[in-house]
N, C-alpha and C. Protein backbone atom coordinates (compact mmCIF):
# COMPACT_ATOMS: atom_id res chain seq x y z
N ASP A 1 -114.72 100.14 94.43
CA ASP A 1 -115.48 99.55 95.47
C ASP A 1 -116.82 100.34 95.58
N PHE A 2 -117.70 100.00 94.74
CA PHE A 2 -118.96 100.69 94.61
C PHE A 2 -119.92 100.43 95.89
N TRP A 3 -120.09 99.14 96.20
CA TRP A 3 -121.04 98.86 97.28
C TRP A 3 -120.47 99.09 98.64
N GLY A 4 -119.20 99.09 98.81
CA GLY A 4 -118.57 99.29 100.13
C GLY A 4 -118.07 100.73 100.30
N ASN A 5 -118.39 101.61 99.45
CA ASN A 5 -117.97 103.03 99.54
C ASN A 5 -118.51 103.63 100.87
N ARG A 6 -117.58 104.15 101.76
CA ARG A 6 -117.91 104.62 103.11
C ARG A 6 -118.57 106.04 102.95
N MET A 7 -118.25 106.75 101.96
CA MET A 7 -118.78 108.11 101.84
C MET A 7 -120.20 108.07 101.32
N TRP A 8 -120.45 107.38 100.25
CA TRP A 8 -121.80 107.42 99.68
C TRP A 8 -122.73 106.25 100.12
N ARG A 9 -122.17 105.22 100.67
CA ARG A 9 -122.98 104.12 101.31
C ARG A 9 -124.00 103.57 100.33
N HIS A 10 -123.60 103.14 99.09
CA HIS A 10 -124.46 102.69 98.14
C HIS A 10 -125.25 101.49 98.53
N ALA A 11 -124.73 100.59 99.27
CA ALA A 11 -125.41 99.35 99.70
C ALA A 11 -126.54 99.78 100.64
N ASP A 12 -126.31 100.72 101.51
CA ASP A 12 -127.39 101.11 102.46
C ASP A 12 -128.49 101.83 101.72
N VAL A 13 -128.14 102.68 100.77
CA VAL A 13 -129.20 103.32 99.98
C VAL A 13 -129.98 102.32 99.13
N ALA A 14 -129.34 101.41 98.54
CA ALA A 14 -130.06 100.34 97.77
C ALA A 14 -131.02 99.59 98.69
N TRP A 15 -130.52 99.22 99.91
CA TRP A 15 -131.40 98.54 100.82
C TRP A 15 -132.64 99.35 101.15
N ALA A 16 -132.40 100.68 101.51
CA ALA A 16 -133.56 101.52 101.88
C ALA A 16 -134.53 101.72 100.75
N MET A 17 -133.97 101.81 99.45
CA MET A 17 -134.93 101.86 98.30
C MET A 17 -135.80 100.63 98.19
N GLY A 18 -135.15 99.46 98.34
CA GLY A 18 -135.92 98.20 98.30
C GLY A 18 -136.91 98.10 99.41
N GLU A 19 -136.58 98.60 100.58
CA GLU A 19 -137.45 98.55 101.78
C GLU A 19 -138.60 99.48 101.52
N THR A 20 -138.40 100.62 100.86
CA THR A 20 -139.48 101.59 100.57
C THR A 20 -140.48 100.95 99.56
N VAL A 21 -139.95 100.29 98.55
CA VAL A 21 -140.84 99.64 97.56
C VAL A 21 -141.69 98.59 98.27
N LEU A 22 -141.00 97.84 99.13
CA LEU A 22 -141.71 96.76 99.86
C LEU A 22 -142.84 97.33 100.77
N ILE A 23 -142.54 98.41 101.43
CA ILE A 23 -143.53 99.06 102.30
C ILE A 23 -144.76 99.42 101.43
N ALA A 24 -144.49 100.10 100.32
CA ALA A 24 -145.62 100.49 99.49
C ALA A 24 -146.46 99.37 98.94
N PHE A 25 -145.73 98.22 98.59
CA PHE A 25 -146.42 97.02 98.08
C PHE A 25 -147.29 96.43 99.13
N LEU A 26 -146.67 96.21 100.32
CA LEU A 26 -147.36 95.52 101.36
C LEU A 26 -148.62 96.35 101.88
N GLY A 27 -148.41 97.67 101.93
CA GLY A 27 -149.53 98.53 102.36
C GLY A 27 -150.65 98.47 101.42
N THR A 28 -150.31 98.51 100.08
CA THR A 28 -151.38 98.55 99.08
C THR A 28 -152.10 97.23 98.96
N PHE A 29 -151.24 96.11 98.99
CA PHE A 29 -151.82 94.76 98.87
C PHE A 29 -152.68 94.52 100.13
N GLY A 30 -152.25 94.82 101.29
CA GLY A 30 -153.04 94.60 102.48
C GLY A 30 -154.31 95.41 102.48
N ALA A 31 -154.24 96.62 101.92
CA ALA A 31 -155.46 97.47 101.82
C ALA A 31 -156.49 96.85 100.91
N ALA A 32 -156.01 96.24 99.80
CA ALA A 32 -156.94 95.60 98.91
C ALA A 32 -157.62 94.42 99.60
N LEU A 33 -156.87 93.69 100.36
CA LEU A 33 -157.39 92.50 101.08
C LEU A 33 -158.43 92.88 102.07
N VAL A 34 -158.18 93.99 102.80
CA VAL A 34 -159.10 94.47 103.78
C VAL A 34 -160.37 95.09 103.17
N ALA A 35 -160.15 95.81 102.06
CA ALA A 35 -161.26 96.60 101.53
C ALA A 35 -162.26 95.81 100.76
N LEU A 36 -161.84 94.63 100.27
CA LEU A 36 -162.73 93.85 99.43
C LEU A 36 -163.96 93.33 100.23
N PRO A 37 -163.78 92.72 101.44
CA PRO A 37 -165.01 92.28 102.22
C PRO A 37 -165.75 93.50 102.79
N VAL A 38 -165.04 94.55 103.09
CA VAL A 38 -165.77 95.78 103.60
C VAL A 38 -166.62 96.39 102.50
N SER A 39 -166.15 96.34 101.27
CA SER A 39 -166.88 96.98 100.19
C SER A 39 -168.08 96.23 99.87
N VAL A 40 -168.21 94.94 100.21
CA VAL A 40 -169.41 94.16 99.99
C VAL A 40 -170.47 94.71 100.92
N LEU A 41 -170.09 95.08 102.10
CA LEU A 41 -171.03 95.71 103.12
C LEU A 41 -171.50 97.07 102.77
N ALA A 42 -170.73 97.73 101.86
CA ALA A 42 -171.02 99.14 101.45
C ALA A 42 -171.74 99.15 100.19
N ALA A 43 -171.85 98.05 99.45
CA ALA A 43 -172.50 98.11 98.14
C ALA A 43 -174.04 98.05 98.35
N ARG A 44 -174.80 98.85 97.58
CA ARG A 44 -176.18 98.95 97.76
C ARG A 44 -176.95 97.65 97.36
N ASN A 45 -176.50 96.90 96.45
CA ASN A 45 -177.19 95.81 96.03
C ASN A 45 -176.77 94.50 96.81
N LEU A 46 -175.79 94.57 97.67
CA LEU A 46 -175.34 93.41 98.41
C LEU A 46 -175.39 93.57 99.87
N ALA A 47 -175.56 94.75 100.40
CA ALA A 47 -175.57 94.96 101.87
C ALA A 47 -176.92 94.52 102.43
N PRO A 48 -176.91 93.71 103.49
CA PRO A 48 -178.24 93.19 104.06
C PRO A 48 -179.06 94.29 104.73
N LEU A 49 -178.42 95.23 105.45
CA LEU A 49 -179.17 96.25 106.15
C LEU A 49 -178.79 97.68 105.63
N ARG A 50 -179.78 98.51 105.53
CA ARG A 50 -179.54 99.82 105.10
C ARG A 50 -178.71 100.59 106.12
N SER A 51 -178.94 100.40 107.38
CA SER A 51 -178.19 101.16 108.43
C SER A 51 -176.74 100.70 108.48
N LEU A 52 -176.51 99.35 108.21
CA LEU A 52 -175.15 98.86 108.16
C LEU A 52 -174.34 99.44 106.99
N ARG A 53 -175.01 99.53 105.86
CA ARG A 53 -174.44 100.07 104.61
C ARG A 53 -174.11 101.51 104.89
N PHE A 54 -174.94 102.25 105.55
CA PHE A 54 -174.74 103.62 105.82
C PHE A 54 -173.50 103.79 106.71
N ALA A 55 -173.40 103.03 107.82
CA ALA A 55 -172.33 103.11 108.78
C ALA A 55 -170.97 102.74 108.11
N VAL A 56 -171.01 101.74 107.24
CA VAL A 56 -169.76 101.33 106.66
C VAL A 56 -169.31 102.36 105.60
N ARG A 57 -170.20 102.99 104.92
CA ARG A 57 -169.85 104.05 104.00
C ARG A 57 -169.29 105.28 104.76
N ARG A 58 -169.85 105.61 105.92
CA ARG A 58 -169.34 106.72 106.65
C ARG A 58 -168.01 106.46 107.21
N VAL A 59 -167.76 105.22 107.65
CA VAL A 59 -166.45 104.89 108.20
C VAL A 59 -165.44 104.96 107.00
N LEU A 60 -165.77 104.45 105.82
CA LEU A 60 -164.87 104.58 104.64
C LEU A 60 -164.62 106.04 104.33
N ASP A 61 -165.62 106.89 104.42
CA ASP A 61 -165.48 108.31 104.07
C ASP A 61 -164.48 108.97 105.08
N PHE A 62 -164.60 108.58 106.34
CA PHE A 62 -163.76 109.19 107.37
C PHE A 62 -162.35 108.70 107.10
N ILE A 63 -162.11 107.45 106.87
CA ILE A 63 -160.79 106.92 106.64
C ILE A 63 -160.14 107.57 105.45
N ARG A 64 -160.97 107.70 104.34
CA ARG A 64 -160.49 108.32 103.15
C ARG A 64 -160.17 109.83 103.34
N GLY A 65 -160.95 110.52 104.15
CA GLY A 65 -160.84 111.93 104.41
C GLY A 65 -159.68 112.34 105.20
N VAL A 66 -159.15 111.44 106.12
CA VAL A 66 -157.97 111.84 106.87
C VAL A 66 -156.71 111.56 106.00
N ASP A 67 -155.91 112.59 105.96
CA ASP A 67 -154.64 112.48 105.21
C ASP A 67 -153.76 111.38 105.77
N GLY A 68 -152.95 110.84 104.78
CA GLY A 68 -151.99 109.82 105.22
C GLY A 68 -150.97 110.30 106.11
N LEU A 69 -150.60 111.57 106.01
CA LEU A 69 -149.57 112.12 106.98
C LEU A 69 -150.15 112.11 108.41
N ILE A 70 -151.43 112.38 108.56
CA ILE A 70 -152.06 112.32 109.88
C ILE A 70 -152.01 110.89 110.49
N TRP A 71 -152.38 109.94 109.68
CA TRP A 71 -152.29 108.50 110.08
C TRP A 71 -150.84 108.21 110.43
N THR A 72 -149.88 108.73 109.67
CA THR A 72 -148.50 108.38 110.01
C THR A 72 -148.06 108.96 111.28
N ILE A 73 -148.52 110.19 111.62
CA ILE A 73 -148.16 110.85 112.88
C ILE A 73 -148.78 110.04 114.03
N MET A 74 -150.03 109.67 113.92
CA MET A 74 -150.70 108.89 115.04
C MET A 74 -150.01 107.52 115.18
N LEU A 75 -149.71 106.83 114.06
CA LEU A 75 -149.11 105.54 114.13
C LEU A 75 -147.69 105.61 114.65
N SER A 76 -146.96 106.67 114.32
CA SER A 76 -145.60 106.82 114.76
C SER A 76 -145.50 106.99 116.24
N ARG A 77 -146.54 107.58 116.77
CA ARG A 77 -146.62 107.76 118.22
C ARG A 77 -146.90 106.44 118.91
N ALA A 78 -147.62 105.50 118.19
CA ALA A 78 -147.94 104.25 118.81
C ALA A 78 -146.77 103.23 118.58
N PHE A 79 -146.24 103.19 117.34
CA PHE A 79 -145.26 102.14 117.06
C PHE A 79 -143.82 102.70 116.82
N GLY A 80 -143.65 104.01 116.87
CA GLY A 80 -142.33 104.59 116.62
C GLY A 80 -142.03 104.64 115.14
N PRO A 81 -141.06 105.37 114.70
CA PRO A 81 -140.76 105.47 113.28
C PRO A 81 -140.21 104.17 112.79
N GLY A 82 -140.62 103.77 111.60
CA GLY A 82 -140.11 102.56 110.99
C GLY A 82 -140.99 102.08 109.87
N PRO A 83 -140.61 100.90 109.37
CA PRO A 83 -141.36 100.35 108.23
C PRO A 83 -142.79 99.98 108.62
N LEU A 84 -143.06 99.50 109.82
CA LEU A 84 -144.47 99.14 110.26
C LEU A 84 -145.36 100.31 110.22
N THR A 85 -144.85 101.41 110.67
CA THR A 85 -145.66 102.66 110.68
C THR A 85 -146.02 103.05 109.26
N GLY A 86 -145.03 103.10 108.39
CA GLY A 86 -145.33 103.39 106.96
C GLY A 86 -146.31 102.46 106.28
N THR A 87 -146.11 101.18 106.54
CA THR A 87 -146.99 100.16 105.94
C THR A 87 -148.41 100.34 106.48
N LEU A 88 -148.59 100.53 107.74
CA LEU A 88 -149.96 100.63 108.27
C LEU A 88 -150.58 101.93 107.79
N ALA A 89 -149.82 103.04 107.68
CA ALA A 89 -150.40 104.29 107.22
C ALA A 89 -150.90 104.16 105.85
N ILE A 90 -150.11 103.54 104.97
CA ILE A 90 -150.51 103.28 103.59
C ILE A 90 -151.79 102.42 103.56
N LEU A 91 -151.76 101.39 104.40
CA LEU A 91 -152.87 100.36 104.42
C LEU A 91 -154.12 101.13 104.85
N ILE A 92 -154.12 101.91 105.90
CA ILE A 92 -155.37 102.56 106.43
C ILE A 92 -155.80 103.56 105.38
N THR A 93 -154.96 104.33 104.80
CA THR A 93 -155.34 105.35 103.85
C THR A 93 -155.96 104.70 102.67
N ASP A 94 -155.37 103.70 102.14
CA ASP A 94 -155.85 103.00 100.92
C ASP A 94 -157.12 102.21 101.11
N VAL A 95 -157.39 101.77 102.37
CA VAL A 95 -158.61 101.06 102.57
C VAL A 95 -159.87 101.90 102.23
N GLY A 96 -159.75 103.15 102.54
CA GLY A 96 -160.86 104.10 102.29
C GLY A 96 -161.11 104.25 100.82
N GLY A 97 -160.06 104.42 100.06
CA GLY A 97 -160.15 104.59 98.53
C GLY A 97 -160.54 103.34 97.90
N PHE A 98 -159.94 102.27 98.25
CA PHE A 98 -160.31 100.96 97.66
C PHE A 98 -161.64 100.51 98.05
N GLY A 99 -162.09 100.78 99.29
CA GLY A 99 -163.43 100.35 99.65
C GLY A 99 -164.48 101.16 98.89
N LYS A 100 -164.29 102.38 98.65
CA LYS A 100 -165.22 103.18 97.91
C LYS A 100 -165.25 102.71 96.39
N SER A 101 -164.01 102.54 95.85
CA SER A 101 -164.01 102.05 94.49
C SER A 101 -164.64 100.68 94.30
N PHE A 102 -164.26 99.80 95.16
CA PHE A 102 -164.77 98.46 95.07
C PHE A 102 -166.24 98.40 95.26
N SER A 103 -166.77 99.18 96.24
CA SER A 103 -168.26 99.21 96.45
C SER A 103 -168.96 99.67 95.25
N GLU A 104 -168.48 100.74 94.58
CA GLU A 104 -169.08 101.23 93.39
C GLU A 104 -169.08 100.29 92.23
N ALA A 105 -167.95 99.57 92.17
CA ALA A 105 -167.83 98.56 91.13
C ALA A 105 -168.82 97.40 91.35
N LEU A 106 -169.01 97.00 92.63
CA LEU A 106 -169.93 95.98 92.95
C LEU A 106 -171.38 96.42 92.72
N GLU A 107 -171.73 97.70 92.90
CA GLU A 107 -173.07 98.16 92.68
C GLU A 107 -173.38 98.14 91.20
N ASN A 108 -172.41 98.15 90.30
CA ASN A 108 -172.63 98.06 88.89
C ASN A 108 -172.83 96.68 88.31
N VAL A 109 -172.57 95.73 89.19
CA VAL A 109 -172.73 94.35 88.81
C VAL A 109 -174.14 93.96 88.95
N GLU A 110 -174.78 93.25 87.94
CA GLU A 110 -176.08 92.79 88.03
C GLU A 110 -176.24 91.54 88.87
């Protein structure tokens, strides 16, 4: 009785592993969706105003500079421990990195 084993709880462990992978996927995918339009505002050749580009870049620097564990602590205070907290922490942390990478890639486009 592999899945129903009361001592090792294989079914619960398999569910938790799947949930962890889903949290990572949703956080990363959501960050890519959020970072793409933001990166257009941070790209030198696409941003309409220099002050807007500067502000967006500084916000992305701040988001990228704060560690994911700090975001998790702040979000767990707001939402409690759970999958939503982990997903949002990954999303916020990755928006900074993706935004920087996407804006640099957009600056290299002619």
